[in-house]
Amino acid sequence: MSHVTEDQIRQNVRNRYKAAIQEVNSAGGCCSTEASCCASADAVSSKLGYSAAELSAVPEGANLGLGCGNPQAIADLKPGNVVLDLGSGGGFDCFLASRQVGETGHVIGVDMTPEMISKARANGTKGGFSNTEFRLGEIEYLPVSDQSVDVVISNCVVNLSPNKPQVFKDTFRVLKPGGRIAISDVVLSTELPTEIKNDLDALYSGCISGASSIEDLKQMLLDSGFSNITIEPKDESKDFIKDWVPGTSMENYIVSAVIKAVRP
């Protein structure tokens, strides 16, 4: 994708998610960036590992049916933790994390799409989440101070970045010593065909052609300073990945994974 600039990728992703939230706001119907995924958001999220209790615990409109896992369920959050969500969308994972960290904790959501930030803030006000805030920004250059976060979570967003090493570098910066990442994202299970790699509009912003290999991700995390790195593919995720772009056999190329690491 050398002919495509990083800013073109970011703007394309931003436009896609702007369209997604506008569609939700106007019709309350499809909660996905792919027209083929217009099932209810709760039905989609239940396939990703969210329980009925979790789905009912957030304000209406917070769950957009986007993602590839349930990061706050793997994050082992504790009361009093400061949690940062990369690409927080409508605030769904932030609100679930908020309940776990309690009044003594704090949750920060960062998203680069202004419409998503507005939606999340409205949802937070509606739900009375006083320990949760949302900041506009890019995950490569986080609007968060150094060594101020205990746990970083993210749900199928890091793969959208055109500069993943910088994402992990800045994530390392904001974590306290001993802080952790607990990320759900997609990884390559085999090399993507060229036509898929270069499909910026439909596939990069759809969590597909931006995916990296497990080996590359591990190296990025090591280079950023992380230790205790584990990347665990979830083969069962192929059941929902095959619905993302019907007819492309995408489940043969990517798989959802749980990515964990620690800042020493």
Protein backbone atom coordinates (compact mmCIF):
# COMPACT_ATOMS: atom_id res chain seq x y z
CA MET A 1 0.00 0.00 0.00
CA SER A 2 2.98 2.29 -0.61
CA HIS A 3 0.92 4.46 -2.95
CA VAL A 4 -1.56 5.28 -0.18
CA THR A 5 -0.54 7.82 2.46
CA GLU A 6 -1.11 7.33 6.17
CA ASP A 7 -3.41 10.33 6.20
CA GLN A 8 -5.51 8.87 3.37
CA ILE A 9 -5.99 5.70 5.41
CA ARG A 10 -6.94 7.62 8.54
CA GLN A 11 -9.39 9.83 6.64
CA ASN A 12 -10.96 6.81 4.97
CA VAL A 13 -11.44 5.03 8.29
CA ARG A 14 -12.79 8.22 9.88
CA ASN A 15 -15.30 8.67 7.07
CA ARG A 16 -16.47 5.08 7.32
CA TYR A 17 -17.12 5.30 11.04
CA LYS A 18 -18.68 8.72 10.68
CA ALA A 19 -21.12 7.14 8.24
CA ALA A 20 -21.76 4.28 10.65
CA ILE A 21 -22.71 6.55 13.55
CA GLN A 22 -24.81 8.79 11.30
CA GLU A 23 -26.73 5.73 10.15
CA VAL A 24 -27.33 4.66 13.72
CA ASN A 25 -28.42 8.16 14.73
CA SER A 26 -30.80 8.57 11.81
CA ALA A 27 -32.34 5.13 11.55
CA GLY A 28 -31.24 3.10 14.52
CA GLY A 29 -30.76 0.24 12.10
CA CYS A 30 -27.48 -1.08 10.81
CA CYS A 31 -24.73 -0.76 13.38
CA SER A 32 -21.83 -1.85 11.22
CA THR A 33 -19.58 -0.37 8.57
CA GLU A 34 -20.47 -3.31 6.32
CA ALA A 35 -23.93 -3.45 4.77
CA SER A 36 -23.89 -7.23 5.09
CA CYS A 37 -23.67 -6.99 8.86
CA CYS A 38 -26.96 -5.22 9.52
CA ALA A 39 -28.08 -7.64 12.20
CA SER A 40 -28.92 -6.09 15.55
CA ALA A 41 -25.87 -4.85 17.42
CA ASP A 42 -26.65 -7.08 20.39
CA ALA A 43 -26.87 -10.16 18.19
CA VAL A 44 -23.51 -9.34 16.64
CA SER A 45 -21.90 -8.65 20.00
CA SER A 46 -23.19 -11.85 21.53
CA LYS A 47 -21.17 -13.71 18.89
CA LEU A 48 -18.10 -11.75 20.02
CA GLY A 49 -18.39 -13.03 23.58
CA TYR A 50 -20.53 -10.41 25.35
CA SER A 51 -23.03 -11.76 27.87
CA ALA A 52 -26.69 -10.77 28.03
CA ALA A 53 -25.94 -9.00 31.31
CA GLU A 54 -23.19 -6.93 29.69
CA LEU A 55 -25.37 -6.05 26.72
CA SER A 56 -28.13 -4.79 29.00
CA ALA A 57 -25.78 -2.84 31.28
CA VAL A 58 -24.98 0.02 28.89
CA PRO A 59 -27.07 2.93 27.59
CA GLU A 60 -29.08 2.28 24.45
CA GLY A 61 -26.99 3.28 21.45
CA ALA A 62 -23.62 2.59 23.10
CA ASN A 63 -23.21 -0.81 21.48
CA LEU A 64 -22.68 -0.36 17.75
CA GLY A 65 -22.04 -4.03 17.00
CA LEU A 66 -18.43 -3.30 16.01
CA GLY A 67 -15.37 -5.27 17.08
CA CYS A 68 -13.91 -8.77 17.09
CA GLY A 69 -13.90 -9.71 20.78
CA ASN A 70 -14.62 -8.57 24.32
CA PRO A 71 -11.48 -6.83 25.64
CA GLN A 72 -12.74 -5.77 29.05
CA ALA A 73 -13.61 -9.41 29.78
CA ILE A 74 -9.94 -10.39 29.35
CA ALA A 75 -8.45 -7.34 31.06
CA ASP A 76 -8.83 -8.48 34.69
CA LEU A 77 -9.83 -4.98 35.76
CA LYS A 78 -9.77 -4.04 39.45
CA PRO A 79 -11.54 -1.34 41.48
CA GLY A 80 -9.51 1.86 41.29
CA ASN A 81 -7.84 1.07 37.96
CA VAL A 82 -7.32 3.79 35.36
CA VAL A 83 -8.34 2.29 32.01
CA LEU A 84 -7.74 3.62 28.49
CA ASP A 85 -9.78 2.38 25.50
CA LEU A 86 -8.16 2.89 22.08
CA GLY A 87 -10.86 3.61 19.52
CA SER A 88 -13.74 3.86 21.97
CA GLY A 89 -16.57 4.32 19.45
CA GLY A 90 -19.93 4.77 21.13
CA GLY A 91 -18.43 3.98 24.53
CA PHE A 92 -19.59 0.37 24.88
CA ASP A 93 -16.39 -1.15 26.32
CA CYS A 94 -15.70 1.98 28.37
CA PHE A 95 -19.03 1.71 30.14
CA LEU A 96 -18.49 -1.96 30.92
CA ALA A 97 -15.00 -1.17 32.22
CA SER A 98 -16.46 1.69 34.26
CA ARG A 99 -18.61 -0.72 36.25
CA GLN A 100 -15.56 -2.85 37.05
CA VAL A 101 -13.22 -0.07 38.20
CA GLY A 102 -15.90 1.61 40.30
CA GLU A 103 -16.08 5.12 41.70
CA THR A 104 -12.41 5.11 42.67
CA GLY A 105 -11.36 4.19 39.12
CA HIS A 106 -11.41 6.14 35.90
CA VAL A 107 -11.99 5.24 32.25
CA ILE A 108 -10.76 7.27 29.26
CA GLY A 109 -11.97 6.61 25.74
CA VAL A 110 -10.01 7.98 22.76
CA ASP A 111 -11.44 8.09 19.24
CA MET A 112 -10.46 10.09 16.14
CA THR A 113 -14.01 10.45 14.82
CA PRO A 114 -15.76 13.53 16.26
CA GLU A 115 -19.20 12.00 15.71
CA MET A 116 -18.22 8.96 17.76
CA ILE A 117 -16.94 11.15 20.60
CA SER A 118 -20.21 13.12 20.62
CA LYS A 119 -22.22 9.89 20.68
CA ALA A 120 -20.14 8.41 23.50
CA ARG A 121 -20.37 11.57 25.60
CA ALA A 122 -24.14 11.66 25.15
CA ASN A 123 -24.36 7.99 26.10
CA GLY A 124 -22.23 8.60 29.19
CA THR A 125 -24.43 11.45 30.32
CA LYS A 126 -27.55 9.39 29.67
CA GLY A 127 -26.18 6.51 31.71
CA GLY A 128 -24.75 8.61 34.53
CA PHE A 129 -21.18 7.38 34.08
CA SER A 130 -19.35 9.99 36.13
CA ASN A 131 -16.01 8.12 36.13
CA THR A 132 -15.78 7.97 32.32
CA GLU A 133 -14.62 10.57 29.80
CA PHE A 134 -14.03 10.67 26.05
CA ARG A 135 -11.24 12.50 24.27
CA LEU A 136 -10.83 13.24 20.57
CA GLY A 137 -7.49 12.05 19.27
CA GLU A 138 -5.48 9.57 17.24
CA ILE A 139 -4.27 6.37 18.89
CA GLU A 140 -0.77 6.97 17.50
CA TYR A 141 -0.51 10.21 19.50
CA LEU A 142 -2.71 9.77 22.54
CA PRO A 143 -4.09 12.80 24.42
CA VAL A 144 -3.07 11.15 27.70
CA SER A 145 -0.23 11.98 30.10
CA ASP A 146 2.85 9.82 30.67
CA GLN A 147 2.62 6.83 33.02
CA SER A 148 -0.98 7.55 34.04
CA VAL A 149 -2.84 4.38 32.95
CA ASP A 150 -3.07 0.92 34.55
CA VAL A 151 -4.70 -1.00 31.69
CA VAL A 152 -5.13 -0.29 27.97
CA ILE A 153 -7.94 -2.07 26.14
CA SER A 154 -9.01 -1.95 22.50
CA ASN A 155 -11.46 -3.80 20.28
CA CYS A 156 -10.44 -4.35 16.64
CA VAL A 157 -8.96 -0.88 16.22
CA VAL A 158 -5.15 -1.15 16.26
CA ASN A 159 -5.27 -2.99 12.92
CA LEU A 160 -6.87 0.13 11.40
CA SER A 161 -3.79 2.22 12.15
CA PRO A 162 -1.36 2.86 9.28
CA ASN A 163 1.44 3.19 11.88
CA LYS A 164 1.04 0.37 14.37
CA PRO A 165 4.58 0.63 15.83
CA GLN A 166 3.75 4.19 16.87
CA VAL A 167 0.49 3.01 18.48
CA PHE A 168 2.39 0.58 20.69
CA LYS A 169 5.14 3.10 21.40
CA ASP A 170 2.64 5.69 22.63
CA THR A 171 0.63 3.07 24.51
CA PHE A 172 3.85 2.13 26.34
CA ARG A 173 4.37 5.82 27.18
CA VAL A 174 1.01 6.29 28.87
CA LEU A 175 1.15 3.06 30.90
CA LYS A 176 2.43 3.05 34.45
CA PRO A 177 5.30 0.66 35.18
CA GLY A 178 3.61 -2.70 35.59
CA GLY A 179 0.70 -1.51 33.45
CA ARG A 180 -0.84 -3.87 30.91
CA ILE A 181 -2.51 -4.07 27.53
CA ALA A 182 -5.47 -6.39 26.89
CA ILE A 183 -6.51 -6.06 23.27
CA SER A 184 -8.90 -7.92 21.00
CA ASP A 185 -7.85 -7.56 17.38
CA VAL A 186 -7.47 -9.45 14.12
CA VAL A 187 -4.22 -11.01 12.97
CA LEU A 188 -3.14 -12.62 9.74
CA SER A 189 -3.26 -16.39 9.60
CA THR A 190 -1.74 -16.36 6.10
CA GLU A 191 -0.58 -13.78 3.55
CA LEU A 192 -3.33 -11.64 2.05
CA PRO A 193 -3.78 -11.56 -1.74
CA THR A 194 -2.65 -8.30 -3.33
CA GLU A 195 -6.18 -7.27 -4.35
CA ILE A 196 -7.31 -7.48 -0.73
CA LYS A 197 -4.29 -5.57 0.58
CA ASN A 198 -5.02 -2.72 -1.82
CA ASP A 199 -8.77 -2.47 -1.25
CA LEU A 200 -8.59 0.62 0.94
CA ASP A 201 -12.27 1.53 0.91
CA ALA A 202 -14.00 -1.70 1.81
CA LEU A 203 -11.38 -3.82 3.48
CA TYR A 204 -8.89 -1.61 5.32
CA SER A 205 -11.55 0.27 7.24
CA GLY A 206 -13.42 -2.99 7.67
CA CYS A 207 -10.74 -4.48 9.96
CA ILE A 208 -9.24 -6.72 7.29
CA SER A 209 -6.43 -5.57 5.02
CA GLY A 210 -4.66 -3.70 7.83
CA ALA A 211 -4.09 -6.86 9.87
CA SER A 212 -0.53 -7.87 10.75
CA SER A 213 1.03 -11.26 11.36
CA ILE A 214 1.55 -12.55 14.90
CA GLU A 215 5.31 -12.41 14.41
CA ASP A 216 5.22 -8.78 13.26
CA LEU A 217 2.99 -7.75 16.17
CA LYS A 218 5.28 -9.43 18.68
CA GLN A 219 8.26 -7.60 17.22
CA MET A 220 6.43 -4.25 17.37
CA LEU A 221 5.60 -4.84 21.05
CA LEU A 222 9.18 -5.90 21.84
CA ASP A 223 10.58 -2.87 20.04
CA SER A 224 8.26 -0.63 22.08
CA GLY A 225 9.61 -2.07 25.34
CA PHE A 226 6.85 -4.51 26.32
CA SER A 227 7.46 -7.84 28.03
CA ASN A 228 5.31 -10.89 28.90
CA ILE A 229 3.84 -10.76 25.38
CA THR A 230 1.17 -13.28 24.43
CA ILE A 231 -0.91 -13.35 21.24
CA GLU A 232 -3.56 -16.05 21.30
CA PRO A 233 -5.56 -16.65 18.09
CA LYS A 234 -9.21 -17.59 18.49
CA ASP A 235 -10.11 -20.06 15.74
CA GLU A 236 -13.79 -19.89 16.66
CA SER A 237 -13.80 -16.28 15.46
CA LYS A 238 -13.88 -17.56 11.87
CA ASP A 239 -17.60 -18.18 12.42
CA PHE A 240 -18.32 -14.43 12.47
CA ILE A 241 -15.43 -13.24 10.30
CA LYS A 242 -16.88 -15.14 7.33
CA ASP A 243 -19.89 -12.81 7.49
CA TRP A 244 -17.85 -9.60 7.29
CA VAL A 245 -17.38 -9.62 3.51
CA PRO A 246 -19.44 -12.50 2.08
CA GLY A 247 -17.95 -14.24 -0.92
CA THR A 248 -14.32 -13.39 -0.14
CA SER A 249 -13.46 -16.32 2.19
CA MET A 250 -11.93 -13.77 4.53
CA GLU A 251 -11.91 -16.31 7.36
CA ASN A 252 -9.10 -18.10 5.50
CA TYR A 253 -6.79 -15.12 5.94
CA ILE A 254 -7.51 -13.50 9.31
CA VAL A 255 -8.52 -14.56 12.79
CA SER A 256 -9.38 -12.69 15.98
CA ALA A 257 -6.75 -12.83 18.72
CA VAL A 258 -6.22 -11.83 22.33
CA ILE A 259 -3.11 -9.65 22.66
CA LYS A 260 -1.56 -9.09 26.08
CA ALA A 261 1.68 -7.49 27.23
CA VAL A 262 3.14 -5.67 30.23
CA ARG A 263 5.20 -2.50 30.61
CA PRO A 264 8.08 -3.52 32.92
